[in-house]
Amino acid sequence: MAPLGRKRKAGAAPIETAGKREKLAEGAAVVIEHCVYGRHAAALSQALQLEAPELPVQVNPSKPRRGSFEVTLLRPDNSRVELWTGIKKGPPRKLKFPEPQEVVEELKKYLS
């Protein structure tokens, strides 16, 4: 018996990702990658937008890795800077998530 699942259109997905890459190439952006932890990502996104309103914050621009929570700064020259990674942290689970002020302080270091 064939596995149950959705059929996806082959042409639709690459067009969307190409548009996202063009937006990222235009300027700096902060990317929050989270798997299940939307509450923490929303709080962090709000804190980053209050601190630097001109800097776009993207949450999960592509499919996230299982169990991940990472915050990355994408620079205009296409380089990446990890502001926070919780992949190797824990247990307990609360160590996987940063305090928003910690990430804001890291962001200030790289923006100045």
PDB file of N, CA and C in Angstrom:
ATOM      1  N   MET A   1       0.832  -1.173   0.000  1.00  0.00           N
ATOM      2  CA  MET A   1       0.000   0.000   0.000  1.00  0.00           C
ATOM      3  C   MET A   1       0.878   1.239   0.000  1.00  0.00           C
ATOM      4  N   ALA A   2       0.519   2.219  -0.768  1.00  0.00           N
ATOM      5  CA  ALA A   2       1.304   3.448  -0.875  1.00  0.00           C
ATOM      6  C   ALA A   2       1.181   4.272   0.407  1.00  0.00           C
ATOM      7  N   PRO A   3       2.256   4.964   0.799  1.00  0.00           N
ATOM      8  CA  PRO A   3       2.194   5.783   2.008  1.00  0.00           C
ATOM      9  C   PRO A   3       1.259   6.982   1.797  1.00  0.00           C
ATOM     10  N   LEU A   4       0.578   7.359   2.866  1.00  0.00           N
ATOM     11  CA  LEU A   4      -0.308   8.506   2.802  1.00  0.00           C
ATOM     12  C   LEU A   4       0.504   9.779   2.961  1.00  0.00           C
ATOM     13  N   GLY A   5       0.188  10.771   2.197  1.00  0.00           N
ATOM     14  CA  GLY A   5       0.902  12.032   2.290  1.00  0.00           C
ATOM     15  C   GLY A   5       0.384  13.007   1.255  1.00  0.00           C
ATOM     16  N   ARG A   6       0.853  14.227   1.343  1.00  0.00           N
ATOM     17  CA  ARG A   6       0.437  15.250   0.393  1.00  0.00           C
ATOM     18  C   ARG A   6       1.320  15.203  -0.828  1.00  0.00           C
ATOM     19  N   LYS A   7       0.706  15.460  -1.939  1.00  0.00           N
ATOM     20  CA  LYS A   7       1.495  15.628  -3.152  1.00  0.00           C
ATOM     21  C   LYS A   7       1.798  17.108  -3.283  1.00  0.00           C
ATOM     22  N   ARG A   8       3.013  17.406  -3.605  1.00  0.00           N
ATOM     23  CA  ARG A   8       3.422  18.802  -3.727  1.00  0.00           C
ATOM     24  C   ARG A   8       3.709  19.128  -5.175  1.00  0.00           C
ATOM     25  N   LYS A   9       3.425  20.342  -5.520  1.00  0.00           N
ATOM     26  CA  LYS A   9       3.727  20.786  -6.871  1.00  0.00           C
ATOM     27  C   LYS A   9       5.226  21.014  -6.982  1.00  0.00           C
ATOM     28  N   ALA A  10       5.821  20.530  -8.038  1.00  0.00           N
ATOM     29  CA  ALA A  10       7.274  20.614  -8.197  1.00  0.00           C
ATOM     30  C   ALA A  10       7.736  22.040  -8.446  1.00  0.00           C
ATOM     31  N   GLY A  11       6.975  22.854  -9.147  1.00  0.00           N
ATOM     32  CA  GLY A  11       7.421  24.197  -9.519  1.00  0.00           C
ATOM     33  C   GLY A  11       7.145  25.260  -8.480  1.00  0.00           C
ATOM     34  N   ALA A  12       6.270  25.032  -7.519  1.00  0.00           N
ATOM     35  CA  ALA A  12       5.861  26.086  -6.595  1.00  0.00           C
ATOM     36  C   ALA A  12       6.923  26.389  -5.547  1.00  0.00           C
ATOM     37  N   ALA A  13       7.547  25.397  -4.956  1.00  0.00           N
ATOM     38  CA  ALA A  13       8.473  25.624  -3.860  1.00  0.00           C
ATOM     39  C   ALA A  13       9.740  26.384  -4.275  1.00  0.00           C
ATOM     40  N   PRO A  14      10.414  26.057  -5.369  1.00  0.00           N
ATOM     41  CA  PRO A  14      11.631  26.800  -5.700  1.00  0.00           C
ATOM     42  C   PRO A  14      11.376  28.278  -5.994  1.00  0.00           C
ATOM     43  N   ILE A  15      10.234  28.624  -6.511  1.00  0.00           N
ATOM     44  CA  ILE A  15       9.937  30.027  -6.789  1.00  0.00           C
ATOM     45  C   ILE A  15       9.859  30.814  -5.489  1.00  0.00           C
ATOM     46  N   GLU A  16       9.207  30.249  -4.474  1.00  0.00           N
ATOM     47  CA  GLU A  16       9.082  30.926  -3.199  1.00  0.00           C
ATOM     48  C   GLU A  16      10.436  31.096  -2.517  1.00  0.00           C
ATOM     49  N   THR A  17      11.277  30.054  -2.512  1.00  0.00           N
ATOM     50  CA  THR A  17      12.565  30.164  -1.847  1.00  0.00           C
ATOM     51  C   THR A  17      13.485  31.134  -2.574  1.00  0.00           C
ATOM     52  N   ALA A  18      13.377  31.227  -3.897  1.00  0.00           N
ATOM     53  CA  ALA A  18      14.202  32.184  -4.629  1.00  0.00           C
ATOM     54  C   ALA A  18      13.821  33.602  -4.240  1.00  0.00           C
ATOM     55  N   GLY A  19      12.543  33.875  -4.066  1.00  0.00           N
ATOM     56  CA  GLY A  19      12.101  35.206  -3.652  1.00  0.00           C
ATOM     57  C   GLY A  19      12.600  35.543  -2.259  1.00  0.00           C
ATOM     58  N   LYS A  20      12.615  34.572  -1.358  1.00  0.00           N
ATOM     59  CA  LYS A  20      13.107  34.800  -0.009  1.00  0.00           C
ATOM     60  C   LYS A  20      14.601  35.075  -0.012  1.00  0.00           C
ATOM     61  N   ARG A  21      15.337  34.357  -0.850  1.00  0.00           N
ATOM     62  CA  ARG A  21      16.783  34.590  -0.919  1.00  0.00           C
ATOM     63  C   ARG A  21      17.090  35.979  -1.457  1.00  0.00           C
ATOM     64  N   GLU A  22      16.301  36.463  -2.407  1.00  0.00           N
ATOM     65  CA  GLU A  22      16.520  37.805  -2.934  1.00  0.00           C
ATOM     66  C   GLU A  22      16.281  38.852  -1.854  1.00  0.00           C
ATOM     67  N   LYS A  23      15.263  38.650  -1.026  1.00  0.00           N
ATOM     68  CA  LYS A  23      14.999  39.594   0.053  1.00  0.00           C
ATOM     69  C   LYS A  23      16.152  39.606   1.046  1.00  0.00           C
ATOM     70  N   LEU A  24      16.719  38.430   1.352  1.00  0.00           N
ATOM     71  CA  LEU A  24      17.818  38.366   2.299  1.00  0.00           C
ATOM     72  C   LEU A  24      19.078  39.018   1.746  1.00  0.00           C
ATOM     73  N   ALA A  25      19.267  38.935   0.441  1.00  0.00           N
ATOM     74  CA  ALA A  25      20.476  39.487  -0.158  1.00  0.00           C
ATOM     75  C   ALA A  25      20.463  41.009  -0.173  1.00  0.00           C
ATOM     76  N   GLU A  26      19.302  41.628  -0.073  1.00  0.00           N
ATOM     77  CA  GLU A  26      19.210  43.083  -0.142  1.00  0.00           C
ATOM     78  C   GLU A  26      19.805  43.768   1.077  1.00  0.00           C
ATOM     79  N   GLY A  27      19.694  43.186   2.255  1.00  0.00           N
ATOM     80  CA  GLY A  27      20.207  43.811   3.464  1.00  0.00           C
ATOM     81  C   GLY A  27      20.317  42.810   4.588  1.00  0.00           C
ATOM     82  N   ALA A  28      20.666  43.321   5.758  1.00  0.00           N
ATOM     83  CA  ALA A  28      20.816  42.457   6.918  1.00  0.00           C
ATOM     84  C   ALA A  28      19.444  42.030   7.431  1.00  0.00           C
ATOM     85  N   ALA A  29      19.410  40.870   8.065  1.00  0.00           N
ATOM     86  CA  ALA A  29      18.172  40.352   8.647  1.00  0.00           C
ATOM     87  C   ALA A  29      18.523  39.404   9.780  1.00  0.00           C
ATOM     88  N   VAL A  30      17.575  39.219  10.681  1.00  0.00           N
ATOM     89  CA  VAL A  30      17.724  38.256  11.758  1.00  0.00           C
ATOM     90  C   VAL A  30      16.770  37.105  11.462  1.00  0.00           C
ATOM     91  N   VAL A  31      17.279  35.872  11.537  1.00  0.00           N
ATOM     92  CA  VAL A  31      16.475  34.681  11.267  1.00  0.00           C
ATOM     93  C   VAL A  31      16.381  33.872  12.557  1.00  0.00           C
ATOM     94  N   ILE A  32      15.146  33.549  12.946  1.00  0.00           N
ATOM     95  CA  ILE A  32      14.905  32.697  14.102  1.00  0.00           C
ATOM     96  C   ILE A  32      14.404  31.359  13.575  1.00  0.00           C
ATOM     97  N   GLU A  33      15.138  30.307  13.870  1.00  0.00           N
ATOM     98  CA  GLU A  33      14.744  28.960  13.445  1.00  0.00           C
ATOM     99  C   GLU A  33      14.289  28.200  14.685  1.00  0.00           C
ATOM    100  N   HIS A  34      13.037  27.784  14.688  1.00  0.00           N
ATOM    101  CA  HIS A  34      12.531  27.009  15.813  1.00  0.00           C
ATOM    102  C   HIS A  34      11.676  25.881  15.294  1.00  0.00           C
ATOM    103  N   CYS A  35      11.659  24.799  16.037  1.00  0.00           N
ATOM    104  CA  CYS A  35      10.899  23.632  15.594  1.00  0.00           C
ATOM    105  C   CYS A  35       9.492  23.644  16.167  1.00  0.00           C
ATOM    106  N   VAL A  36       9.349  23.660  17.479  1.00  0.00           N
ATOM    107  CA  VAL A  36       8.037  23.566  18.098  1.00  0.00           C
ATOM    108  C   VAL A  36       7.777  24.748  19.026  1.00  0.00           C
ATOM    109  N   TYR A  37       8.771  25.520  19.313  1.00  0.00           N
ATOM    110  CA  TYR A  37       8.733  26.470  20.410  1.00  0.00           C
ATOM    111  C   TYR A  37       8.346  27.871  19.941  1.00  0.00           C
ATOM    112  N   GLY A  38       7.145  28.014  19.421  1.00  0.00           N
ATOM    113  CA  GLY A  38       6.687  29.280  18.859  1.00  0.00           C
ATOM    114  C   GLY A  38       6.555  30.387  19.877  1.00  0.00           C
ATOM    115  N   ARG A  39       6.220  30.045  21.113  1.00  0.00           N
ATOM    116  CA  ARG A  39       6.060  31.059  22.162  1.00  0.00           C
ATOM    117  C   ARG A  39       7.383  31.773  22.429  1.00  0.00           C
ATOM    118  N   HIS A  40       8.458  31.014  22.506  1.00  0.00           N
ATOM    119  CA  HIS A  40       9.771  31.612  22.748  1.00  0.00           C
ATOM    120  C   HIS A  40      10.227  32.429  21.539  1.00  0.00           C
ATOM    121  N   ALA A  41       9.954  31.933  20.352  1.00  0.00           N
ATOM    122  CA  ALA A  41      10.344  32.649  19.139  1.00  0.00           C
ATOM    123  C   ALA A  41       9.582  33.960  19.005  1.00  0.00           C
ATOM    124  N   ALA A  42       8.306  33.980  19.365  1.00  0.00           N
ATOM    125  CA  ALA A  42       7.514  35.198  19.272  1.00  0.00           C
ATOM    126  C   ALA A  42       8.009  36.251  20.260  1.00  0.00           C
ATOM    127  N   ALA A  43       8.337  35.838  21.476  1.00  0.00           N
ATOM    128  CA  ALA A  43       8.855  36.778  22.474  1.00  0.00           C
ATOM    129  C   ALA A  43      10.197  37.350  22.039  1.00  0.00           C
ATOM    130  N   LEU A  44      11.046  36.510  21.496  1.00  0.00           N
ATOM    131  CA  LEU A  44      12.356  36.962  21.037  1.00  0.00           C
ATOM    132  C   LEU A  44      12.223  37.885  19.830  1.00  0.00           C
ATOM    133  N   SER A  45      11.335  37.551  18.920  1.00  0.00           N
ATOM    134  CA  SER A  45      11.103  38.383  17.747  1.00  0.00           C
ATOM    135  C   SER A  45      10.620  39.768  18.146  1.00  0.00           C
ATOM    136  N   GLN A  46       9.717  39.829  19.108  1.00  0.00           N
ATOM    137  CA  GLN A  46       9.204  41.113  19.564  1.00  0.00           C
ATOM    138  C   GLN A  46      10.308  41.948  20.209  1.00  0.00           C
ATOM    139  N   ALA A  47      11.161  41.323  21.024  1.00  0.00           N
ATOM    140  CA  ALA A  47      12.261  42.050  21.667  1.00  0.00           C
ATOM    141  C   ALA A  47      13.246  42.587  20.633  1.00  0.00           C
ATOM    142  N   LEU A  48      13.541  41.801  19.599  1.00  0.00           N
ATOM    143  CA  LEU A  48      14.466  42.250  18.550  1.00  0.00           C
ATOM    144  C   LEU A  48      13.871  43.390  17.730  1.00  0.00           C
ATOM    145  N   GLN A  49      12.575  43.327  17.458  1.00  0.00           N
ATOM    146  CA  GLN A  49      11.941  44.393  16.689  1.00  0.00           C
ATOM    147  C   GLN A  49      11.865  45.690  17.481  1.00  0.00           C
ATOM    148  N   LEU A  50      11.721  45.602  18.801  1.00  0.00           N
ATOM    149  CA  LEU A  50      11.722  46.806  19.625  1.00  0.00           C
ATOM    150  C   LEU A  50      13.105  47.440  19.666  1.00  0.00           C
ATOM    151  N   GLU A  51      14.130  46.610  19.690  1.00  0.00           N
ATOM    152  CA  GLU A  51      15.503  47.119  19.778  1.00  0.00           C
ATOM    153  C   GLU A  51      15.991  47.689  18.446  1.00  0.00           C
ATOM    154  N   ALA A  52      15.712  46.996  17.357  1.00  0.00           N
ATOM    155  CA  ALA A  52      16.172  47.428  16.030  1.00  0.00           C
ATOM    156  C   ALA A  52      15.001  47.326  15.049  1.00  0.00           C
ATOM    157  N   PRO A  53      14.114  48.327  15.012  1.00  0.00           N
ATOM    158  CA  PRO A  53      12.920  48.230  14.154  1.00  0.00           C
ATOM    159  C   PRO A  53      13.229  48.219  12.663  1.00  0.00           C
ATOM    160  N   GLU A  54      14.381  48.725  12.256  1.00  0.00           N
ATOM    161  CA  GLU A  54      14.724  48.748  10.833  1.00  0.00           C
ATOM    162  C   GLU A  54      15.239  47.397  10.335  1.00  0.00           C
ATOM    163  N   LEU A  55      15.548  46.495  11.256  1.00  0.00           N
ATOM    164  CA  LEU A  55      16.104  45.188  10.916  1.00  0.00           C
ATOM    165  C   LEU A  55      14.972  44.162  10.830  1.00  0.00           C
ATOM    166  N   PRO A  56      14.748  43.553   9.664  1.00  0.00           N
ATOM    167  CA  PRO A  56      13.667  42.571   9.560  1.00  0.00           C
ATOM    168  C   PRO A  56      13.992  41.290  10.322  1.00  0.00           C
ATOM    169  N   VAL A  57      12.969  40.741  10.964  1.00  0.00           N
ATOM    170  CA  VAL A  57      13.098  39.489  11.704  1.00  0.00           C
ATOM    171  C   VAL A  57      12.241  38.450  11.000  1.00  0.00           C
ATOM    172  N   GLN A  58      12.866  37.344  10.597  1.00  0.00           N
ATOM    173  CA  GLN A  58      12.152  36.274   9.911  1.00  0.00           C
ATOM    174  C   GLN A  58      12.129  35.050  10.811  1.00  0.00           C
ATOM    175  N   VAL A  59      10.959  34.432  10.891  1.00  0.00           N
ATOM    176  CA  VAL A  59      10.811  33.224  11.694  1.00  0.00           C
ATOM    177  C   VAL A  59      10.588  32.059  10.746  1.00  0.00           C
ATOM    178  N   ASN A  60      11.466  31.085  10.797  1.00  0.00           N
ATOM    179  CA  ASN A  60      11.413  29.885   9.962  1.00  0.00           C
ATOM    180  C   ASN A  60      11.244  30.192   8.469  1.00  0.00           C
ATOM    181  N   PRO A  61      12.233  30.812   7.823  1.00  0.00           N
ATOM    182  CA  PRO A  61      12.120  31.029   6.378  1.00  0.00           C
ATOM    183  C   PRO A  61      12.192  29.735   5.574  1.00  0.00           C
ATOM    184  N   SER A  62      12.744  28.686   6.164  1.00  0.00           N
ATOM    185  CA  SER A  62      12.754  27.363   5.528  1.00  0.00           C
ATOM    186  C   SER A  62      12.370  26.334   6.592  1.00  0.00           C
ATOM    187  N   LYS A  63      12.238  25.087   6.193  1.00  0.00           N
ATOM    188  CA  LYS A  63      11.824  24.048   7.131  1.00  0.00           C
ATOM    189  C   LYS A  63      12.866  23.917   8.243  1.00  0.00           C
ATOM    190  N   PRO A  64      12.450  24.035   9.513  1.00  0.00           N
ATOM    191  CA  PRO A  64      13.417  23.967  10.616  1.00  0.00           C
ATOM    192  C   PRO A  64      13.876  22.542  10.896  1.00  0.00           C
ATOM    193  N   ARG A  65      15.040  22.433  11.480  1.00  0.00           N
ATOM    194  CA  ARG A  65      15.547  21.127  11.896  1.00  0.00           C
ATOM    195  C   ARG A  65      14.828  20.679  13.164  1.00  0.00           C
ATOM    196  N   ARG A  66      14.762  19.400  13.372  1.00  0.00           N
ATOM    197  CA  ARG A  66      14.056  18.852  14.524  1.00  0.00           C
ATOM    198  C   ARG A  66      14.750  19.268  15.820  1.00  0.00           C
ATOM    199  N   GLY A  67      13.981  19.826  16.755  1.00  0.00           N
ATOM    200  CA  GLY A  67      14.508  20.199  18.063  1.00  0.00           C
ATOM    201  C   GLY A  67      15.387  21.438  18.055  1.00  0.00           C
ATOM    202  N   SER A  68      15.320  22.235  17.004  1.00  0.00           N
ATOM    203  CA  SER A  68      16.243  23.366  16.900  1.00  0.00           C
ATOM    204  C   SER A  68      15.644  24.645  17.470  1.00  0.00           C
ATOM    205  N   PHE A  69      16.525  25.495  17.964  1.00  0.00           N
ATOM    206  CA  PHE A  69      16.187  26.866  18.311  1.00  0.00           C
ATOM    207  C   PHE A  69      17.459  27.660  18.110  1.00  0.00           C
ATOM    208  N   GLU A  70      17.524  28.408  17.014  1.00  0.00           N
ATOM    209  CA  GLU A  70      18.716  29.184  16.682  1.00  0.00           C
ATOM    210  C   GLU A  70      18.328  30.578  16.233  1.00  0.00           C
ATOM    211  N   VAL A  71      19.208  31.525  16.534  1.00  0.00           N
ATOM    212  CA  VAL A  71      19.035  32.901  16.091  1.00  0.00           C
ATOM    213  C   VAL A  71      20.296  33.271  15.315  1.00  0.00           C
ATOM    214  N   THR A  72      20.112  33.696  14.056  1.00  0.00           N
ATOM    215  CA  THR A  72      21.234  33.990  13.172  1.00  0.00           C
ATOM    216  C   THR A  72      21.078  35.388  12.588  1.00  0.00           C
ATOM    217  N   LEU A  73      22.182  36.125  12.519  1.00  0.00           N
ATOM    218  CA  LEU A  73      22.206  37.417  11.855  1.00  0.00           C
ATOM    219  C   LEU A  73      22.770  37.209  10.458  1.00  0.00           C
ATOM    220  N   LEU A  74      21.998  37.579   9.452  1.00  0.00           N
ATOM    221  CA  LEU A  74      22.458  37.523   8.066  1.00  0.00           C
ATOM    222  C   LEU A  74      22.909  38.915   7.673  1.00  0.00           C
ATOM    223  N   ARG A  75      24.147  39.028   7.295  1.00  0.00           N
ATOM    224  CA  ARG A  75      24.704  40.332   6.916  1.00  0.00           C
ATOM    225  C   ARG A  75      24.495  40.598   5.428  1.00  0.00           C
ATOM    226  N   PRO A  76      24.602  41.859   5.006  1.00  0.00           N
ATOM    227  CA  PRO A  76      24.412  42.180   3.578  1.00  0.00           C
ATOM    228  C   PRO A  76      25.410  41.490   2.652  1.00  0.00           C
ATOM    229  N   ASP A  77      26.596  41.123   3.160  1.00  0.00           N
ATOM    230  CA  ASP A  77      27.588  40.437   2.327  1.00  0.00           C
ATOM    231  C   ASP A  77      27.390  38.923   2.322  1.00  0.00           C
ATOM    232  N   ASN A  78      26.196  38.454   2.742  1.00  0.00           N
ATOM    233  CA  ASN A  78      25.803  37.044   2.760  1.00  0.00           C
ATOM    234  C   ASN A  78      26.574  36.199   3.772  1.00  0.00           C
ATOM    235  N   SER A  79      27.220  36.814   4.742  1.00  0.00           N
ATOM    236  CA  SER A  79      27.843  36.043   5.812  1.00  0.00           C
ATOM    237  C   SER A  79      26.813  35.854   6.934  1.00  0.00           C
ATOM    238  N   ARG A  80      27.020  34.805   7.732  1.00  0.00           N
ATOM    239  CA  ARG A  80      26.086  34.481   8.815  1.00  0.00           C
ATOM    240  C   ARG A  80      26.823  34.557  10.148  1.00  0.00           C
ATOM    241  N   VAL A  81      26.126  35.081  11.157  1.00  0.00           N
ATOM    242  CA  VAL A  81      26.669  35.139  12.509  1.00  0.00           C
ATOM    243  C   VAL A  81      25.644  34.502  13.443  1.00  0.00           C
ATOM    244  N   GLU A  82      26.061  33.469  14.171  1.00  0.00           N
ATOM    245  CA  GLU A  82      25.167  32.815  15.125  1.00  0.00           C
ATOM    246  C   GLU A  82      25.076  33.690  16.375  1.00  0.00           C
ATOM    247  N   LEU A  83      23.891  34.212  16.658  1.00  0.00           N
ATOM    248  CA  LEU A  83      23.682  34.977  17.881  1.00  0.00           C
ATOM    249  C   LEU A  83      23.342  34.044  19.045  1.00  0.00           C
ATOM    250  N   TRP A  84      22.662  32.936  18.742  1.00  0.00           N
ATOM    251  CA  TRP A  84      22.310  31.960  19.766  1.00  0.00           C
ATOM    252  C   TRP A  84      22.053  30.619  19.094  1.00  0.00           C
ATOM    253  N   THR A  85      22.517  29.553  19.704  1.00  0.00           N
ATOM    254  CA  THR A  85      22.161  28.215  19.274  1.00  0.00           C
ATOM    255  C   THR A  85      21.874  27.380  20.514  1.00  0.00           C
ATOM    256  N   GLY A  86      20.738  26.727  20.519  1.00  0.00           N
ATOM    257  CA  GLY A  86      20.354  25.908  21.656  1.00  0.00           C
ATOM    258  C   GLY A  86      20.374  24.430  21.336  1.00  0.00           C
ATOM    259  N   ILE A  87      20.977  24.069  20.221  1.00  0.00           N
ATOM    260  CA  ILE A  87      20.951  22.675  19.791  1.00  0.00           C
ATOM    261  C   ILE A  87      21.708  21.771  20.758  1.00  0.00           C
ATOM    262  N   LYS A  88      22.870  22.176  21.223  1.00  0.00           N
ATOM    263  CA  LYS A  88      23.688  21.333  22.094  1.00  0.00           C
ATOM    264  C   LYS A  88      23.402  21.576  23.579  1.00  0.00           C
ATOM    265  N   LYS A  89      22.440  22.443  23.905  1.00  0.00           N
ATOM    266  CA  LYS A  89      22.180  22.777  25.304  1.00  0.00           C
ATOM    267  C   LYS A  89      21.055  21.925  25.875  1.00  0.00           C
ATOM    268  N   GLY A  90      21.048  21.795  27.203  1.00  0.00           N
ATOM    269  CA  GLY A  90      20.003  21.039  27.881  1.00  0.00           C
ATOM    270  C   GLY A  90      20.453  19.612  28.097  1.00  0.00           C
ATOM    271  N   PRO A  91      19.784  18.788  28.839  1.00  0.00           N
ATOM    272  CA  PRO A  91      18.646  19.112  29.682  1.00  0.00           C
ATOM    273  C   PRO A  91      19.065  19.928  30.892  1.00  0.00           C
ATOM    274  N   PRO A  92      18.201  20.610  31.518  1.00  0.00           N
ATOM    275  CA  PRO A  92      16.777  20.764  31.301  1.00  0.00           C
ATOM    276  C   PRO A  92      16.480  21.594  30.050  1.00  0.00           C
ATOM    277  N   ARG A  93      15.282  21.428  29.551  1.00  0.00           N
ATOM    278  CA  ARG A  93      14.875  22.037  28.288  1.00  0.00           C
ATOM    279  C   ARG A  93      14.965  23.567  28.314  1.00  0.00           C
ATOM    280  N   LYS A  94      14.773  24.187  29.472  1.00  0.00           N
ATOM    281  CA  LYS A  94      14.776  25.647  29.528  1.00  0.00           C
ATOM    282  C   LYS A  94      16.138  26.235  29.143  1.00  0.00           C
ATOM    283  N   LEU A  95      17.200  25.443  29.178  1.00  0.00           N
ATOM    284  CA  LEU A  95      18.513  25.940  28.763  1.00  0.00           C
ATOM    285  C   LEU A  95      18.614  26.126  27.249  1.00  0.00           C
ATOM    286  N   LYS A  96      17.700  25.522  26.490  1.00  0.00           N
ATOM    287  CA  LYS A  96      17.728  25.650  25.027  1.00  0.00           C
ATOM    288  C   LYS A  96      17.294  27.023  24.550  1.00  0.00           C
ATOM    289  N   PHE A  97      16.622  27.793  25.404  1.00  0.00           N
ATOM    290  CA  PHE A  97      16.042  29.067  24.987  1.00  0.00           C
ATOM    291  C   PHE A  97      16.753  30.221  25.679  1.00  0.00           C
ATOM    292  N   PRO A  98      17.141  31.240  24.912  1.00  0.00           N
ATOM    293  CA  PRO A  98      17.838  32.372  25.512  1.00  0.00           C
ATOM    294  C   PRO A  98      16.859  33.350  26.138  1.00  0.00           C
ATOM    295  N   GLU A  99      17.364  34.133  27.046  1.00  0.00           N
ATOM    296  CA  GLU A  99      16.620  35.296  27.500  1.00  0.00           C
ATOM    297  C   GLU A  99      16.697  36.317  26.367  1.00  0.00           C
ATOM    298  N   PRO A 100      15.607  37.008  26.052  1.00  0.00           N
ATOM    299  CA  PRO A 100      15.644  37.962  24.940  1.00  0.00           C
ATOM    300  C   PRO A 100      16.731  39.027  25.086  1.00  0.00           C
ATOM    301  N   GLN A 101      17.021  39.450  26.307  1.00  0.00           N
ATOM    302  CA  GLN A 101      18.042  40.483  26.493  1.00  0.00           C
ATOM    303  C   GLN A 101      19.435  39.989  26.129  1.00  0.00           C
ATOM    304  N   GLU A 102      19.707  38.700  26.326  1.00  0.00           N
ATOM    305  CA  GLU A 102      21.013  38.147  25.941  1.00  0.00           C
ATOM    306  C   GLU A 102      21.219  38.256  24.433  1.00  0.00           C
ATOM    307  N   VAL A 103      20.197  37.926  23.674  1.00  0.00           N
ATOM    308  CA  VAL A 103      20.303  37.978  22.213  1.00  0.00           C
ATOM    309  C   VAL A 103      20.382  39.422  21.740  1.00  0.00           C
ATOM    310  N   VAL A 104      19.647  40.323  22.394  1.00  0.00           N
ATOM    311  CA  VAL A 104      19.696  41.744  22.026  1.00  0.00           C
ATOM    312  C   VAL A 104      21.103  42.293  22.254  1.00  0.00           C
ATOM    313  N   GLU A 105      21.742  41.902  23.358  1.00  0.00           N
ATOM    314  CA  GLU A 105      23.113  42.353  23.626  1.00  0.00           C
ATOM    315  C   GLU A 105      24.091  41.827  22.574  1.00  0.00           C
ATOM    316  N   GLU A 106      23.938  40.571  22.175  1.00  0.00           N
ATOM    317  CA  GLU A 106      24.792  40.010  21.114  1.00  0.00           C
ATOM    318  C   GLU A 106      24.565  40.753  19.802  1.00  0.00           C
ATOM    319  N   LEU A 107      23.321  41.070  19.499  1.00  0.00           N
ATOM    320  CA  LEU A 107      23.003  41.786  18.276  1.00  0.00           C
ATOM    321  C   LEU A 107      23.640  43.167  18.271  1.00  0.00           C
ATOM    322  N   LYS A 108      23.627  43.849  19.414  1.00  0.00           N
ATOM    323  CA  LYS A 108      24.243  45.184  19.514  1.00  0.00           C
ATOM    324  C   LYS A 108      25.739  45.122  19.227  1.00  0.00           C
ATOM    325  N   LYS A 109      26.397  44.042  19.672  1.00  0.00           N
ATOM    326  CA  LYS A 109      27.839  43.904  19.425  1.00  0.00           C
ATOM    327  C   LYS A 109      28.140  43.868  17.922  1.00  0.00           C
ATOM    328  N   TYR A 110      27.308  43.144  17.181  1.00  0.00           N
ATOM    329  CA  TYR A 110      27.587  42.979  15.755  1.00  0.00           C
ATOM    330  C   TYR A 110      27.075  44.137  14.914  1.00  0.00           C
ATOM    331  N   LEU A 111      26.113  44.885  15.399  1.00  0.00           N
ATOM    332  CA  LEU A 111      25.596  46.023  14.631  1.00  0.00           C
ATOM    333  C   LEU A 111      26.426  47.283  14.825  1.00  0.00           C
ATOM    334  N   SER A 112      27.163  47.356  15.910  1.00  0.00           N
ATOM    335  CA  SER A 112      27.955  48.571  16.143  1.00  0.00           C
ATOM    336  C   SER A 112      29.297  48.536  15.466  1.00  0.00           C
TER     337      SER A 112
END
